[in-house]
C-alpha atoms as a PDB file:
ATOM      1  CA  MET A   1    -105.026 -70.643  43.586  1.00  0.00           C
ATOM      2  CA  SER A   2    -106.093 -68.655  40.620  1.00  0.00           C
ATOM      3  CA  THR A   3    -108.506 -68.800  37.775  1.00  0.00           C
ATOM      4  CA  ALA A   4    -107.190 -69.142  34.262  1.00  0.00           C
ATOM      5  CA  ASN A   5    -108.901 -68.165  31.078  1.00  0.00           C
ATOM      6  CA  ARG A   6    -109.012 -70.483  28.113  1.00  0.00           C
ATOM      7  CA  ALA A   7    -105.551 -69.299  27.087  1.00  0.00           C
ATOM      8  CA  GLY A   8    -104.327 -70.929  30.304  1.00  0.00           C
ATOM      9  CA  ASN A   9    -105.802 -74.262  29.304  1.00  0.00           C
ATOM     10  CA  PRO A  10    -103.421 -77.235  29.476  1.00  0.00           C
ATOM     11  CA  PRO A  11    -102.051 -78.459  26.147  1.00  0.00           C
ATOM     12  CA  VAL A  12    -104.299 -80.420  23.811  1.00  0.00           C
ATOM     13  CA  GLY A  13    -104.167 -84.072  24.761  1.00  0.00           C
ATOM     14  CA  THR A  14    -103.988 -83.381  28.488  1.00  0.00           C
ATOM     15  CA  ALA A  15    -105.664 -86.197  30.388  1.00  0.00           C
ATOM     16  CA  TRP A  16    -108.668 -84.931  32.348  1.00  0.00           C
ATOM     17  CA  ARG A  17    -109.880 -87.157  35.186  1.00  0.00           C
ATOM     18  CA  LYS A  18    -113.238 -87.299  36.905  1.00  0.00           C
ATOM     19  CA  SER A  19    -113.831 -88.721  40.369  1.00  0.00           C
ATOM     20  CA  SER A  20    -115.105 -92.292  40.473  1.00  0.00           C
ATOM     21  CA  TYR A  21    -117.659 -91.012  43.006  1.00  0.00           C
ATOM     22  CA  SER A  22    -119.266 -88.810  40.359  1.00  0.00           C
ATOM     23  CA  GLY A  23    -121.564 -91.510  39.039  1.00  0.00           C
ATOM     24  CA  ALA A  24    -123.184 -91.245  35.631  1.00  0.00           C
ATOM     25  CA  GLY A  25    -124.128 -87.570  35.965  1.00  0.00           C
ATOM     26  CA  ASN A  26    -122.075 -84.590  34.920  1.00  0.00           C
ATOM     27  CA  ASP A  27    -122.390 -82.730  38.235  1.00  0.00           C
ATOM     28  CA  CYS A  28    -118.729 -82.786  39.082  1.00  0.00           C
ATOM     29  CA  VAL A  29    -115.353 -81.313  38.327  1.00  0.00           C
ATOM     30  CA  GLU A  30    -112.469 -82.724  36.338  1.00  0.00           C
ATOM     31  CA  VAL A  31    -108.785 -82.317  37.093  1.00  0.00           C
ATOM     32  CA  ALA A  32    -105.706 -82.378  34.901  1.00  0.00           C
ATOM     33  CA  MET A  33    -102.203 -82.531  36.306  1.00  0.00           C
ATOM     34  CA  THR A  34     -99.732 -80.232  34.580  1.00  0.00           C
ATOM     35  CA  SER A  35     -96.033 -79.589  35.023  1.00  0.00           C
ATOM     36  CA  GLY A  36     -96.918 -76.660  37.294  1.00  0.00           C
ATOM     37  CA  GLY A  37     -99.634 -78.304  39.359  1.00  0.00           C
ATOM     38  CA  ALA A  38    -103.306 -79.012  38.803  1.00  0.00           C
ATOM     39  CA  VAL A  39    -106.063 -77.447  36.707  1.00  0.00           C
ATOM     40  CA  VAL A  40    -109.738 -77.979  37.569  1.00  0.00           C
ATOM     41  CA  ARG A  41    -112.756 -77.435  35.327  1.00  0.00           C
ATOM     42  CA  ASP A  42    -116.523 -77.897  35.499  1.00  0.00           C
ATOM     43  CA  SER A  43    -117.450 -81.086  33.662  1.00  0.00           C
ATOM     44  CA  LYS A  44    -120.850 -79.640  32.645  1.00  0.00           C
ATOM     45  CA  ASN A  45    -119.236 -76.606  31.066  1.00  0.00           C
ATOM     46  CA  PRO A  46    -115.593 -77.384  30.230  1.00  0.00           C
ATOM     47  CA  ARG A  47    -115.188 -74.255  28.094  1.00  0.00           C
ATOM     48  CA  THR A  48    -115.493 -71.896  31.062  1.00  0.00           C
ATOM     49  CA  GLU A  49    -112.648 -70.541  33.167  1.00  0.00           C
ATOM     50  CA  LEU A  50    -110.308 -72.979  34.854  1.00  0.00           C
ATOM     51  CA  LEU A  51    -109.072 -73.065  38.425  1.00  0.00           C
ATOM     52  CA  SER A  52    -105.331 -73.625  38.573  1.00  0.00           C
ATOM     53  CA  MET A  53    -103.193 -74.329  41.614  1.00  0.00           C
ATOM     54  CA  SER A  54     -99.681 -75.387  42.443  1.00  0.00           C
ATOM     55  CA  ARG A  55     -98.913 -79.041  43.064  1.00  0.00           C
ATOM     56  CA  ARG A  56     -98.426 -78.207  46.762  1.00  0.00           C
ATOM     57  CA  ASP A  57    -101.869 -76.562  46.982  1.00  0.00           C
ATOM     58  CA  TRP A  58    -103.475 -79.509  45.150  1.00  0.00           C
ATOM     59  CA  TYR A  59    -102.072 -82.056  47.596  1.00  0.00           C
ATOM     60  CA  ALA A  60    -103.061 -79.852  50.544  1.00  0.00           C
ATOM     61  CA  LEU A  61    -106.624 -79.670  49.191  1.00  0.00           C
ATOM     62  CA  MET A  62    -106.788 -83.435  48.661  1.00  0.00           C
ATOM     63  CA  GLY A  63    -105.404 -84.059  52.159  1.00  0.00           C
ATOM     64  CA  ALA A  64    -107.977 -81.743  53.725  1.00  0.00           C
ATOM     65  CA  ALA A  65    -110.781 -83.501  51.833  1.00  0.00           C
ATOM     66  CA  ARG A  66    -109.476 -86.944  52.810  1.00  0.00           C
ATOM     67  CA  ASP A  67    -109.228 -85.919  56.472  1.00  0.00           C
ATOM     68  CA  GLY A  68    -112.815 -84.577  56.544  1.00  0.00           C
ATOM     69  CA  LYS A  69    -111.719 -80.975  57.068  1.00  0.00           C
ATOM     70  CA  LEU A  70    -114.004 -79.802  54.255  1.00  0.00           C
ATOM     71  CA  ASP A  71    -117.125 -81.596  55.474  1.00  0.00           C
ATOM     72  CA  TYR A  72    -120.020 -79.441  56.560  1.00  0.00           C
END
């Protein structure tokens, strides 16, 4: 995983998604799938740096979350 500056932002028109568990607030992250993987941003401050990861890393992260491996 790596952070990307605004120059690493996905192309204009990229579809950002927010979790349905986020509710009405903006205390969450948004994800956009790109040809190289996934890019994550803070929904409260979308103009800050982005977190980018390969498709493989994204699915590993989602699997770990689904399986409760990230619960504390």
